[in-house]
Amino acid sequence: YMASNALTHTPPLGFFKNFVLINKGEHKDTLDLKHNGVVPIVDLA
């Protein structure tokens, strides 16, 4: 269950050569380097 929960945070990347950006709100069209970058590694560890 912990592993399943950990995999809900995914890196902001399509399969190849395309970033998946935040698509709405205050931070629209940016990368969240904490929740979608660092947190997935923290969760795995």
PDB file of all heavy atoms in Angstrom:
ATOM      1  N   TYR A   1       0.831  -1.201   0.000  1.00  0.00           N
ATOM      2  CA  TYR A   1       0.000   0.000   0.000  1.00  0.00           C
ATOM      3  C   TYR A   1       0.869   1.257   0.000  1.00  0.00           C
ATOM      4  O   TYR A   1       0.567   2.249  -0.659  1.00  0.00           O
ATOM      5  CB  TYR A   1      -0.932   0.003   1.207  1.00  0.00           C
ATOM      6  CG  TYR A   1      -2.223  -0.745   0.976  1.00  0.00           C
ATOM      7  CD1 TYR A   1      -2.416  -2.012   1.511  1.00  0.00           C
ATOM      8  CD2 TYR A   1      -3.243  -0.181   0.218  1.00  0.00           C
ATOM      9  CE1 TYR A   1      -3.603  -2.704   1.293  1.00  0.00           C
ATOM     10  CE2 TYR A   1      -4.431  -0.857   0.003  1.00  0.00           C
ATOM     11  CZ  TYR A   1      -4.609  -2.117   0.540  1.00  0.00           C
ATOM     12  OH  TYR A   1      -5.781  -2.801   0.324  1.00  0.00           O
ATOM     13  N   MET A   2       1.956   1.239   0.775  1.00  0.00           N
ATOM     14  CA  MET A   2       2.872   2.385   0.798  1.00  0.00           C
ATOM     15  C   MET A   2       3.481   2.619  -0.579  1.00  0.00           C
ATOM     16  O   MET A   2       3.606   3.758  -1.044  1.00  0.00           O
ATOM     17  CB  MET A   2       3.973   2.158   1.836  1.00  0.00           C
ATOM     18  CG  MET A   2       3.543   2.385   3.266  1.00  0.00           C
ATOM     19  SD  MET A   2       3.263   4.140   3.642  1.00  0.00           S
ATOM     20  CE  MET A   2       4.954   4.759   3.636  1.00  0.00           C
ATOM     21  N   ALA A   3       3.881   1.530  -1.238  1.00  0.00           N
ATOM     22  CA  ALA A   3       4.465   1.652  -2.576  1.00  0.00           C
ATOM     23  C   ALA A   3       3.442   2.203  -3.556  1.00  0.00           C
ATOM     24  O   ALA A   3       3.749   3.066  -4.382  1.00  0.00           O
ATOM     25  CB  ALA A   3       4.985   0.296  -3.042  1.00  0.00           C
ATOM     26  N   SER A   4       2.197   1.706  -3.463  1.00  0.00           N
ATOM     27  CA  SER A   4       1.138   2.210  -4.340  1.00  0.00           C
ATOM     28  C   SER A   4       0.921   3.699  -4.137  1.00  0.00           C
ATOM     29  O   SER A   4       0.787   4.471  -5.097  1.00  0.00           O
ATOM     30  CB  SER A   4      -0.159   1.443  -4.064  1.00  0.00           C
ATOM     31  OG  SER A   4      -1.205   1.920  -4.881  1.00  0.00           O
ATOM     32  N   ASN A   5       0.913   4.131  -2.873  1.00  0.00           N
ATOM     33  CA  ASN A   5       0.746   5.551  -2.571  1.00  0.00           C
ATOM     34  C   ASN A   5       1.929   6.369  -3.083  1.00  0.00           C
ATOM     35  O   ASN A   5       1.767   7.488  -3.587  1.00  0.00           O
ATOM     36  CB  ASN A   5       0.594   5.733  -1.059  1.00  0.00           C
ATOM     37  CG  ASN A   5       0.282   7.171  -0.668  1.00  0.00           C
ATOM     38  OD1 ASN A   5      -0.751   7.705  -1.040  1.00  0.00           O
ATOM     39  ND2 ASN A   5       1.183   7.787   0.085  1.00  0.00           N
ATOM     40  N   ALA A   6       3.141   5.802  -2.972  1.00  0.00           N
ATOM     41  CA  ALA A   6       4.342   6.506  -3.426  1.00  0.00           C
ATOM     42  C   ALA A   6       4.300   6.782  -4.922  1.00  0.00           C
ATOM     43  O   ALA A   6       4.812   7.800  -5.395  1.00  0.00           O
ATOM     44  CB  ALA A   6       5.588   5.705  -3.076  1.00  0.00           C
ATOM     45  N   LEU A   7       3.681   5.879  -5.683  1.00  0.00           N
ATOM     46  CA  LEU A   7       3.683   6.021  -7.134  1.00  0.00           C
ATOM     47  C   LEU A   7       2.642   7.018  -7.635  1.00  0.00           C
ATOM     48  O   LEU A   7       2.541   7.254  -8.835  1.00  0.00           O
ATOM     49  CB  LEU A   7       3.451   4.655  -7.794  1.00  0.00           C
ATOM     50  CG  LEU A   7       4.481   3.572  -7.440  1.00  0.00           C
ATOM     51  CD1 LEU A   7       4.303   2.357  -8.333  1.00  0.00           C
ATOM     52  CD2 LEU A   7       5.906   4.093  -7.557  1.00  0.00           C
ATOM     53  N   THR A   8       1.868   7.618  -6.712  1.00  0.00           N
ATOM     54  CA  THR A   8       0.921   8.646  -7.139  1.00  0.00           C
ATOM     55  C   THR A   8       1.617   9.959  -7.486  1.00  0.00           C
ATOM     56  O   THR A   8       1.043  10.791  -8.190  1.00  0.00           O
ATOM     57  CB  THR A   8      -0.141   8.926  -6.049  1.00  0.00           C
ATOM     58  OG1 THR A   8       0.516   9.384  -4.856  1.00  0.00           O
ATOM     59  CG2 THR A   8      -0.939   7.662  -5.737  1.00  0.00           C
ATOM     60  N   HIS A   9       2.830  10.151  -6.981  1.00  0.00           N
ATOM     61  CA  HIS A   9       3.624  11.325  -7.361  1.00  0.00           C
ATOM     62  C   HIS A   9       4.514  10.929  -8.536  1.00  0.00           C
ATOM     63  O   HIS A   9       5.418  10.109  -8.386  1.00  0.00           O
ATOM     64  CB  HIS A   9       4.496  11.796  -6.196  1.00  0.00           C
ATOM     65  CG  HIS A   9       3.712  12.385  -5.067  1.00  0.00           C
ATOM     66  ND1 HIS A   9       3.685  11.840  -3.803  1.00  0.00           N
ATOM     67  CD2 HIS A   9       2.911  13.480  -5.020  1.00  0.00           C
ATOM     68  CE1 HIS A   9       2.913  12.574  -3.026  1.00  0.00           C
ATOM     69  NE2 HIS A   9       2.434  13.570  -3.735  1.00  0.00           N
ATOM     70  N   THR A  10       4.237  11.474  -9.691  1.00  0.00           N
ATOM     71  CA  THR A  10       4.981  11.078 -10.886  1.00  0.00           C
ATOM     72  C   THR A  10       5.804  12.235 -11.428  1.00  0.00           C
ATOM     73  O   THR A  10       5.380  13.401 -11.358  1.00  0.00           O
ATOM     74  CB  THR A  10       4.020  10.600 -11.990  1.00  0.00           C
ATOM     75  OG1 THR A  10       3.069  11.638 -12.256  1.00  0.00           O
ATOM     76  CG2 THR A  10       3.274   9.346 -11.544  1.00  0.00           C
ATOM     77  N   PRO A  11       6.978  11.952 -11.972  1.00  0.00           N
ATOM     78  CA  PRO A  11       7.796  13.016 -12.578  1.00  0.00           C
ATOM     79  C   PRO A  11       7.051  13.666 -13.737  1.00  0.00           C
ATOM     80  O   PRO A  11       6.290  12.997 -14.446  1.00  0.00           O
ATOM     81  CB  PRO A  11       9.039  12.263 -13.069  1.00  0.00           C
ATOM     82  CG  PRO A  11       9.085  11.023 -12.235  1.00  0.00           C
ATOM     83  CD  PRO A  11       7.653  10.648 -11.998  1.00  0.00           C
ATOM     84  N   PRO A  12       7.261  14.960 -13.956  1.00  0.00           N
ATOM     85  CA  PRO A  12       6.514  15.695 -14.978  1.00  0.00           C
ATOM     86  C   PRO A  12       7.088  15.508 -16.376  1.00  0.00           C
ATOM     87  O   PRO A  12       7.573  16.446 -17.012  1.00  0.00           O
ATOM     88  CB  PRO A  12       6.660  17.155 -14.510  1.00  0.00           C
ATOM     89  CG  PRO A  12       7.995  17.186 -13.839  1.00  0.00           C
ATOM     90  CD  PRO A  12       8.155  15.836 -13.183  1.00  0.00           C
ATOM     91  N   LEU A  13       7.034  14.271 -16.851  1.00  0.00           N
ATOM     92  CA  LEU A  13       7.682  13.952 -18.121  1.00  0.00           C
ATOM     93  C   LEU A  13       6.841  12.964 -18.906  1.00  0.00           C
ATOM     94  O   LEU A  13       6.368  11.958 -18.367  1.00  0.00           O
ATOM     95  CB  LEU A  13       9.065  13.346 -17.859  1.00  0.00           C
ATOM     96  CG  LEU A  13       9.932  13.046 -19.077  1.00  0.00           C
ATOM     97  CD1 LEU A  13      10.380  14.339 -19.744  1.00  0.00           C
ATOM     98  CD2 LEU A  13      11.154  12.225 -18.669  1.00  0.00           C
ATOM     99  N   GLY A  14       6.645  13.290 -20.199  1.00  0.00           N
ATOM    100  CA  GLY A  14       6.067  12.315 -21.104  1.00  0.00           C
ATOM    101  C   GLY A  14       7.108  11.253 -21.387  1.00  0.00           C
ATOM    102  O   GLY A  14       8.226  11.296 -20.880  1.00  0.00           O
ATOM    103  N   PHE A  15       6.770  10.291 -22.203  1.00  0.00           N
ATOM    104  CA  PHE A  15       7.701   9.193 -22.402  1.00  0.00           C
ATOM    105  C   PHE A  15       9.039   9.680 -22.944  1.00  0.00           C
ATOM    106  O   PHE A  15      10.085   9.221 -22.529  1.00  0.00           O
ATOM    107  CB  PHE A  15       7.100   8.140 -23.336  1.00  0.00           C
ATOM    108  CG  PHE A  15       6.108   7.283 -22.633  1.00  0.00           C
ATOM    109  CD1 PHE A  15       4.796   7.260 -23.032  1.00  0.00           C
ATOM    110  CD2 PHE A  15       6.480   6.520 -21.548  1.00  0.00           C
ATOM    111  CE1 PHE A  15       3.878   6.476 -22.372  1.00  0.00           C
ATOM    112  CE2 PHE A  15       5.574   5.736 -20.879  1.00  0.00           C
ATOM    113  CZ  PHE A  15       4.259   5.708 -21.295  1.00  0.00           C
ATOM    114  N   PHE A  16       9.008  10.623 -23.902  1.00  0.00           N
ATOM    115  CA  PHE A  16      10.270  11.148 -24.411  1.00  0.00           C
ATOM    116  C   PHE A  16      10.109  12.609 -24.834  1.00  0.00           C
ATOM    117  O   PHE A  16       9.136  12.977 -25.513  1.00  0.00           O
ATOM    118  CB  PHE A  16      10.764  10.344 -25.621  1.00  0.00           C
ATOM    119  CG  PHE A  16      11.268   8.987 -25.242  1.00  0.00           C
ATOM    120  CD1 PHE A  16      10.445   7.896 -25.372  1.00  0.00           C
ATOM    121  CD2 PHE A  16      12.539   8.803 -24.727  1.00  0.00           C
ATOM    122  CE1 PHE A  16      10.890   6.644 -25.012  1.00  0.00           C
ATOM    123  CE2 PHE A  16      12.987   7.558 -24.351  1.00  0.00           C
ATOM    124  CZ  PHE A  16      12.159   6.476 -24.498  1.00  0.00           C
ATOM    125  N   LYS A  17      11.055  13.406 -24.388  1.00  0.00           N
ATOM    126  CA  LYS A  17      11.268  14.764 -24.895  1.00  0.00           C
ATOM    127  C   LYS A  17      10.116  15.736 -24.685  1.00  0.00           C
ATOM    128  O   LYS A  17      10.013  16.711 -25.411  1.00  0.00           O
ATOM    129  CB  LYS A  17      11.612  14.708 -26.400  1.00  0.00           C
ATOM    130  CG  LYS A  17      12.776  13.783 -26.734  1.00  0.00           C
ATOM    131  CD  LYS A  17      14.030  14.151 -25.970  1.00  0.00           C
ATOM    132  CE  LYS A  17      15.188  13.227 -26.274  1.00  0.00           C
ATOM    133  NZ  LYS A  17      16.365  13.482 -25.449  1.00  0.00           N
ATOM    134  N   ASN A  18       9.245  15.496 -23.727  1.00  0.00           N
ATOM    135  CA  ASN A  18       8.229  16.506 -23.464  1.00  0.00           C
ATOM    136  C   ASN A  18       7.931  16.587 -21.976  1.00  0.00           C
ATOM    137  O   ASN A  18       7.667  15.587 -21.327  1.00  0.00           O
ATOM    138  CB  ASN A  18       6.943  16.235 -24.250  1.00  0.00           C
ATOM    139  CG  ASN A  18       6.324  14.894 -23.915  1.00  0.00           C
ATOM    140  OD1 ASN A  18       7.019  13.912 -23.763  1.00  0.00           O
ATOM    141  ND2 ASN A  18       5.008  14.864 -23.827  1.00  0.00           N
ATOM    142  N   PHE A  19       8.011  17.809 -21.419  1.00  0.00           N
ATOM    143  CA  PHE A  19       7.629  18.034 -20.033  1.00  0.00           C
ATOM    144  C   PHE A  19       6.114  18.094 -19.931  1.00  0.00           C
ATOM    145  O   PHE A  19       5.433  18.584 -20.846  1.00  0.00           O
ATOM    146  CB  PHE A  19       8.202  19.360 -19.520  1.00  0.00           C
ATOM    147  CG  PHE A  19       9.683  19.341 -19.294  1.00  0.00           C
ATOM    148  CD1 PHE A  19      10.492  20.290 -19.896  1.00  0.00           C
ATOM    149  CD2 PHE A  19      10.273  18.392 -18.468  1.00  0.00           C
ATOM    150  CE1 PHE A  19      11.865  20.294 -19.686  1.00  0.00           C
ATOM    151  CE2 PHE A  19      11.648  18.393 -18.248  1.00  0.00           C
ATOM    152  CZ  PHE A  19      12.436  19.341 -18.862  1.00  0.00           C
ATOM    153  N   VAL A  20       5.595  17.628 -18.828  1.00  0.00           N
ATOM    154  CA  VAL A  20       4.176  17.789 -18.514  1.00  0.00           C
ATOM    155  C   VAL A  20       4.080  18.919 -17.491  1.00  0.00           C
ATOM    156  O   VAL A  20       4.512  18.769 -16.351  1.00  0.00           O
ATOM    157  CB  VAL A  20       3.568  16.488 -17.949  1.00  0.00           C
ATOM    158  CG1 VAL A  20       2.095  16.699 -17.594  1.00  0.00           C
ATOM    159  CG2 VAL A  20       3.715  15.356 -18.955  1.00  0.00           C
ATOM    160  N   LEU A  21       3.508  20.049 -17.913  1.00  0.00           N
ATOM    161  CA  LEU A  21       3.476  21.249 -17.080  1.00  0.00           C
ATOM    162  C   LEU A  21       2.173  21.333 -16.289  1.00  0.00           C
ATOM    163  O   LEU A  21       1.170  20.708 -16.640  1.00  0.00           O
ATOM    164  CB  LEU A  21       3.631  22.498 -17.957  1.00  0.00           C
ATOM    165  CG  LEU A  21       4.844  22.534 -18.881  1.00  0.00           C
ATOM    166  CD1 LEU A  21       4.832  23.812 -19.702  1.00  0.00           C
ATOM    167  CD2 LEU A  21       6.141  22.400 -18.106  1.00  0.00           C
ATOM    168  N   ILE A  22       2.206  22.111 -15.205  1.00  0.00           N
ATOM    169  CA  ILE A  22       0.977  22.414 -14.476  1.00  0.00           C
ATOM    170  C   ILE A  22       0.049  23.150 -15.434  1.00  0.00           C
ATOM    171  O   ILE A  22       0.456  24.111 -16.097  1.00  0.00           O
ATOM    172  CB  ILE A  22       1.287  23.285 -13.238  1.00  0.00           C
ATOM    173  CG1 ILE A  22       2.202  22.515 -12.274  1.00  0.00           C
ATOM    174  CG2 ILE A  22       0.005  23.711 -12.548  1.00  0.00           C
ATOM    175  CD1 ILE A  22       2.719  23.362 -11.126  1.00  0.00           C
ATOM    176  N   ASN A  23      -1.207  22.689 -15.538  1.00  0.00           N
ATOM    177  CA  ASN A  23      -2.067  23.242 -16.593  1.00  0.00           C
ATOM    178  C   ASN A  23      -3.105  24.242 -16.118  1.00  0.00           C
ATOM    179  O   ASN A  23      -3.933  24.690 -16.909  1.00  0.00           O
ATOM    180  CB  ASN A  23      -2.765  22.099 -17.359  1.00  0.00           C
ATOM    181  CG  ASN A  23      -3.607  21.218 -16.448  1.00  0.00           C
ATOM    182  OD1 ASN A  23      -3.915  21.612 -15.327  1.00  0.00           O
ATOM    183  ND2 ASN A  23      -3.954  20.030 -16.918  1.00  0.00           N
ATOM    184  N   LYS A  24      -3.077  24.607 -14.832  1.00  0.00           N
ATOM    185  CA  LYS A  24      -4.023  25.618 -14.369  1.00  0.00           C
ATOM    186  C   LYS A  24      -3.531  26.220 -13.067  1.00  0.00           C
ATOM    187  O   LYS A  24      -2.589  25.722 -12.446  1.00  0.00           O
ATOM    188  CB  LYS A  24      -5.419  25.014 -14.179  1.00  0.00           C
ATOM    189  CG  LYS A  24      -5.475  23.876 -13.177  1.00  0.00           C
ATOM    190  CD  LYS A  24      -6.881  23.276 -13.099  1.00  0.00           C
ATOM    191  CE  LYS A  24      -6.914  22.099 -12.124  1.00  0.00           C
ATOM    192  NZ  LYS A  24      -8.263  21.506 -12.051  1.00  0.00           N
ATOM    193  N   GLY A  25      -4.190  27.304 -12.648  1.00  0.00           N
ATOM    194  CA  GLY A  25      -3.876  27.912 -11.369  1.00  0.00           C
ATOM    195  C   GLY A  25      -2.737  28.910 -11.415  1.00  0.00           C
ATOM    196  O   GLY A  25      -2.242  29.294 -12.482  1.00  0.00           O
ATOM    197  N   GLU A  26      -2.296  29.295 -10.228  1.00  0.00           N
ATOM    198  CA  GLU A  26      -1.274  30.336 -10.074  1.00  0.00           C
ATOM    199  C   GLU A  26       0.040  29.973 -10.756  1.00  0.00           C
ATOM    200  O   GLU A  26       0.759  30.842 -11.257  1.00  0.00           O
ATOM    201  CB  GLU A  26      -1.037  30.570  -8.574  1.00  0.00           C
ATOM    202  CG  GLU A  26       0.034  31.583  -8.250  1.00  0.00           C
ATOM    203  CD  GLU A  26       0.320  31.667  -6.761  1.00  0.00           C
ATOM    204  OE1 GLU A  26      -0.351  30.948  -5.978  1.00  0.00           O
ATOM    205  OE2 GLU A  26       1.209  32.453  -6.381  1.00  0.00           O
ATOM    206  N   HIS A  27       0.370  28.676 -10.780  1.00  0.00           N
ATOM    207  CA  HIS A  27       1.664  28.244 -11.315  1.00  0.00           C
ATOM    208  C   HIS A  27       1.534  27.557 -12.674  1.00  0.00           C
ATOM    209  O   HIS A  27       2.338  26.679 -13.018  1.00  0.00           O
ATOM    210  CB  HIS A  27       2.345  27.321 -10.309  1.00  0.00           C
ATOM    211  CG  HIS A  27       2.535  27.929  -8.959  1.00  0.00           C
ATOM    212  ND1 HIS A  27       3.373  28.998  -8.735  1.00  0.00           N
ATOM    213  CD2 HIS A  27       1.958  27.646  -7.756  1.00  0.00           C
ATOM    214  CE1 HIS A  27       3.329  29.343  -7.462  1.00  0.00           C
ATOM    215  NE2 HIS A  27       2.475  28.549  -6.845  1.00  0.00           N
ATOM    216  N   LYS A  28       0.523  27.951 -13.423  1.00  0.00           N
ATOM    217  CA  LYS A  28       0.276  27.377 -14.749  1.00  0.00           C
ATOM    218  C   LYS A  28       1.524  27.478 -15.630  1.00  0.00           C
ATOM    219  O   LYS A  28       2.258  28.451 -15.601  1.00  0.00           O
ATOM    220  CB  LYS A  28      -0.892  28.112 -15.404  1.00  0.00           C
ATOM    221  CG  LYS A  28      -1.376  27.500 -16.714  1.00  0.00           C
ATOM    222  CD  LYS A  28      -2.599  28.257 -17.223  1.00  0.00           C
ATOM    223  CE  LYS A  28      -3.171  27.617 -18.472  1.00  0.00           C
ATOM    224  NZ  LYS A  28      -2.260  27.713 -19.621  1.00  0.00           N
ATOM    225  N   ASP A  29       1.758  26.403 -16.393  1.00  0.00           N
ATOM    226  CA  ASP A  29       2.862  26.334 -17.361  1.00  0.00           C
ATOM    227  C   ASP A  29       4.238  26.344 -16.696  1.00  0.00           C
ATOM    228  O   ASP A  29       5.210  26.887 -17.237  1.00  0.00           O
ATOM    229  CB  ASP A  29       2.774  27.475 -18.382  1.00  0.00           C
ATOM    230  CG  ASP A  29       1.520  27.378 -19.240  1.00  0.00           C
ATOM    231  OD1 ASP A  29       1.051  26.243 -19.471  1.00  0.00           O
ATOM    232  OD2 ASP A  29       0.995  28.426 -19.656  1.00  0.00           O
ATOM    233  N   THR A  30       4.328  25.769 -15.507  1.00  0.00           N
ATOM    234  CA  THR A  30       5.629  25.602 -14.841  1.00  0.00           C
ATOM    235  C   THR A  30       5.810  24.144 -14.437  1.00  0.00           C
ATOM    236  O   THR A  30       4.863  23.354 -14.425  1.00  0.00           O
ATOM    237  CB  THR A  30       5.751  26.481 -13.580  1.00  0.00           C
ATOM    238  OG1 THR A  30       4.802  26.026 -12.601  1.00  0.00           O
ATOM    239  CG2 THR A  30       5.512  27.940 -13.893  1.00  0.00           C
ATOM    240  N   LEU A  31       7.054  23.819 -14.085  1.00  0.00           N
ATOM    241  CA  LEU A  31       7.380  22.510 -13.508  1.00  0.00           C
ATOM    242  C   LEU A  31       7.456  22.654 -11.996  1.00  0.00           C
ATOM    243  O   LEU A  31       8.086  23.583 -11.496  1.00  0.00           O
ATOM    244  CB  LEU A  31       8.742  22.018 -14.023  1.00  0.00           C
ATOM    245  CG  LEU A  31       8.858  21.661 -15.502  1.00  0.00           C
ATOM    246  CD1 LEU A  31      10.332  21.508 -15.873  1.00  0.00           C
ATOM    247  CD2 LEU A  31       8.103  20.391 -15.810  1.00  0.00           C
ATOM    248  N   ASP A  32       6.830  21.752 -11.269  1.00  0.00           N
ATOM    249  CA  ASP A  32       6.931  21.738  -9.810  1.00  0.00           C
ATOM    250  C   ASP A  32       8.078  20.803  -9.442  1.00  0.00           C
ATOM    251  O   ASP A  32       7.913  19.585  -9.406  1.00  0.00           O
ATOM    252  CB  ASP A  32       5.616  21.255  -9.195  1.00  0.00           C
ATOM    253  CG  ASP A  32       5.628  21.298  -7.665  1.00  0.00           C
ATOM    254  OD1 ASP A  32       6.724  21.474  -7.086  1.00  0.00           O
ATOM    255  OD2 ASP A  32       4.560  21.150  -7.061  1.00  0.00           O
ATOM    256  N   LEU A  33       9.246  21.385  -9.175  1.00  0.00           N
ATOM    257  CA  LEU A  33      10.432  20.570  -8.940  1.00  0.00           C
ATOM    258  C   LEU A  33      10.441  19.919  -7.559  1.00  0.00           C
ATOM    259  O   LEU A  33      11.269  19.043  -7.306  1.00  0.00           O
ATOM    260  CB  LEU A  33      11.693  21.407  -9.114  1.00  0.00           C
ATOM    261  CG  LEU A  33      11.981  21.861 -10.545  1.00  0.00           C
ATOM    262  CD1 LEU A  33      13.301  22.618 -10.607  1.00  0.00           C
ATOM    263  CD2 LEU A  33      12.007  20.684 -11.514  1.00  0.00           C
ATOM    264  N   LYS A  34       9.530  20.330  -6.684  1.00  0.00           N
ATOM    265  CA  LYS A  34       9.430  19.665  -5.388  1.00  0.00           C
ATOM    266  C   LYS A  34       8.494  18.468  -5.475  1.00  0.00           C
ATOM    267  O   LYS A  34       8.926  17.318  -5.352  1.00  0.00           O
ATOM    268  CB  LYS A  34       8.942  20.637  -4.314  1.00  0.00           C
ATOM    269  CG  LYS A  34       8.761  19.962  -2.949  1.00  0.00           C
ATOM    270  CD  LYS A  34       8.235  20.926  -1.891  1.00  0.00           C
ATOM    271  CE  LYS A  34       8.009  20.188  -0.561  1.00  0.00           C
ATOM    272  NZ  LYS A  34       7.484  21.098   0.496  1.00  0.00           N
ATOM    273  N   HIS A  35       7.202  18.715  -5.709  1.00  0.00           N
ATOM    274  CA  HIS A  35       6.213  17.642  -5.624  1.00  0.00           C
ATOM    275  C   HIS A  35       6.310  16.641  -6.768  1.00  0.00           C
ATOM    276  O   HIS A  35       5.977  15.470  -6.601  1.00  0.00           O
ATOM    277  CB  HIS A  35       4.810  18.238  -5.554  1.00  0.00           C
ATOM    278  CG  HIS A  35       4.542  18.947  -4.266  1.00  0.00           C
ATOM    279  ND1 HIS A  35       4.588  20.324  -4.151  1.00  0.00           N
ATOM    280  CD2 HIS A  35       4.270  18.477  -3.023  1.00  0.00           C
ATOM    281  CE1 HIS A  35       4.338  20.662  -2.896  1.00  0.00           C
ATOM    282  NE2 HIS A  35       4.148  19.575  -2.192  1.00  0.00           N
ATOM    283  N   ASN A  36       6.753  17.095  -7.944  1.00  0.00           N
ATOM    284  CA  ASN A  36       6.875  16.168  -9.070  1.00  0.00           C
ATOM    285  C   ASN A  36       8.309  15.818  -9.409  1.00  0.00           C
ATOM    286  O   ASN A  36       8.549  15.000 -10.300  1.00  0.00           O
ATOM    287  CB  ASN A  36       6.187  16.761 -10.307  1.00  0.00           C
ATOM    288  CG  ASN A  36       4.694  16.934 -10.094  1.00  0.00           C
ATOM    289  OD1 ASN A  36       4.192  18.044 -10.106  1.00  0.00           O
ATOM    290  ND2 ASN A  36       3.986  15.842  -9.878  1.00  0.00           N
ATOM    291  N   GLY A  37       9.257  16.445  -8.706  1.00  0.00           N
ATOM    292  CA  GLY A  37      10.666  16.150  -8.956  1.00  0.00           C
ATOM    293  C   GLY A  37      11.323  15.426  -7.806  1.00  0.00           C
ATOM    294  O   GLY A  37      11.777  14.288  -7.944  1.00  0.00           O
ATOM    295  N   VAL A  38      11.353  16.069  -6.625  1.00  0.00           N
ATOM    296  CA  VAL A  38      12.042  15.511  -5.468  1.00  0.00           C
ATOM    297  C   VAL A  38      11.169  14.510  -4.711  1.00  0.00           C
ATOM    298  O   VAL A  38      11.635  13.438  -4.305  1.00  0.00           O
ATOM    299  CB  VAL A  38      12.494  16.643  -4.520  1.00  0.00           C
ATOM    300  CG1 VAL A  38      13.077  16.071  -3.243  1.00  0.00           C
ATOM    301  CG2 VAL A  38      13.515  17.536  -5.218  1.00  0.00           C
ATOM    302  N   VAL A  39       9.887  14.847  -4.518  1.00  0.00           N
ATOM    303  CA  VAL A  39       9.015  13.998  -3.702  1.00  0.00           C
ATOM    304  C   VAL A  39       8.939  12.554  -4.203  1.00  0.00           C
ATOM    305  O   VAL A  39       8.946  11.625  -3.387  1.00  0.00           O
ATOM    306  CB  VAL A  39       7.610  14.634  -3.576  1.00  0.00           C
ATOM    307  CG1 VAL A  39       6.612  13.643  -2.997  1.00  0.00           C
ATOM    308  CG2 VAL A  39       7.684  15.874  -2.694  1.00  0.00           C
ATOM    309  N   PRO A  40       8.846  12.294  -5.526  1.00  0.00           N
ATOM    310  CA  PRO A  40       8.826  10.894  -5.957  1.00  0.00           C
ATOM    311  C   PRO A  40      10.046  10.102  -5.493  1.00  0.00           C
ATOM    312  O   PRO A  40       9.927   8.913  -5.150  1.00  0.00           O
ATOM    313  CB  PRO A  40       8.784  10.999  -7.484  1.00  0.00           C
ATOM    314  CG  PRO A  40       8.117  12.311  -7.748  1.00  0.00           C
ATOM    315  CD  PRO A  40       8.614  13.222  -6.662  1.00  0.00           C
ATOM    316  N   ILE A  41      11.225  10.734  -5.445  1.00  0.00           N
ATOM    317  CA  ILE A  41      12.426  10.044  -4.970  1.00  0.00           C
ATOM    318  C   ILE A  41      12.350   9.833  -3.469  1.00  0.00           C
ATOM    319  O   ILE A  41      12.687   8.758  -2.954  1.00  0.00           O
ATOM    320  CB  ILE A  41      13.689  10.846  -5.345  1.00  0.00           C
ATOM    321  CG1 ILE A  41      13.755  11.070  -6.849  1.00  0.00           C
ATOM    322  CG2 ILE A  41      14.947  10.111  -4.857  1.00  0.00           C
ATOM    323  CD1 ILE A  41      14.897  11.964  -7.291  1.00  0.00           C
ATOM    324  N   VAL A  42      11.885  10.858  -2.744  1.00  0.00           N
ATOM    325  CA  VAL A  42      11.708  10.749  -1.292  1.00  0.00           C
ATOM    326  C   VAL A  42      10.756   9.596  -0.970  1.00  0.00           C
ATOM    327  O   VAL A  42      10.997   8.803  -0.056  1.00  0.00           O
ATOM    328  CB  VAL A  42      11.165  12.075  -0.719  1.00  0.00           C
ATOM    329  CG1 VAL A  42      10.732  11.916   0.732  1.00  0.00           C
ATOM    330  CG2 VAL A  42      12.224  13.171  -0.827  1.00  0.00           C
ATOM    331  N   ASP A  43       9.664   9.500  -1.731  1.00  0.00           N
ATOM    332  CA  ASP A  43       8.679   8.439  -1.508  1.00  0.00           C
ATOM    333  C   ASP A  43       9.289   7.058  -1.732  1.00  0.00           C
ATOM    334  O   ASP A  43       9.060   6.125  -0.957  1.00  0.00           O
ATOM    335  CB  ASP A  43       7.485   8.625  -2.438  1.00  0.00           C
ATOM    336  CG  ASP A  43       6.605   9.805  -2.043  1.00  0.00           C
ATOM    337  OD1 ASP A  43       6.740  10.298  -0.908  1.00  0.00           O
ATOM    338  OD2 ASP A  43       5.772  10.232  -2.865  1.00  0.00           O
ATOM    339  N   LEU A  44      10.053   6.917  -2.809  1.00  0.00           N
ATOM    340  CA  LEU A  44      10.696   5.629  -3.095  1.00  0.00           C
ATOM    341  C   LEU A  44      11.664   5.238  -1.985  1.00  0.00           C
ATOM    342  O   LEU A  44      11.698   4.086  -1.545  1.00  0.00           O
ATOM    343  CB  LEU A  44      11.439   5.703  -4.433  1.00  0.00           C
ATOM    344  CG  LEU A  44      10.593   5.773  -5.695  1.00  0.00           C
ATOM    345  CD1 LEU A  44      11.475   6.029  -6.911  1.00  0.00           C
ATOM    346  CD2 LEU A  44       9.796   4.489  -5.891  1.00  0.00           C
ATOM    347  N   ALA A  45      12.449   6.207  -1.539  1.00  0.00           N
ATOM    348  CA  ALA A  45      13.426   5.935  -0.484  1.00  0.00           C
ATOM    349  C   ALA A  45      12.736   5.557   0.825  1.00  0.00           C
ATOM    350  O   ALA A  45      13.226   4.695   1.569  1.00  0.00           O
ATOM    351  CB  ALA A  45      14.331   7.145  -0.275  1.00  0.00           C
TER     352      ALA A  45
END
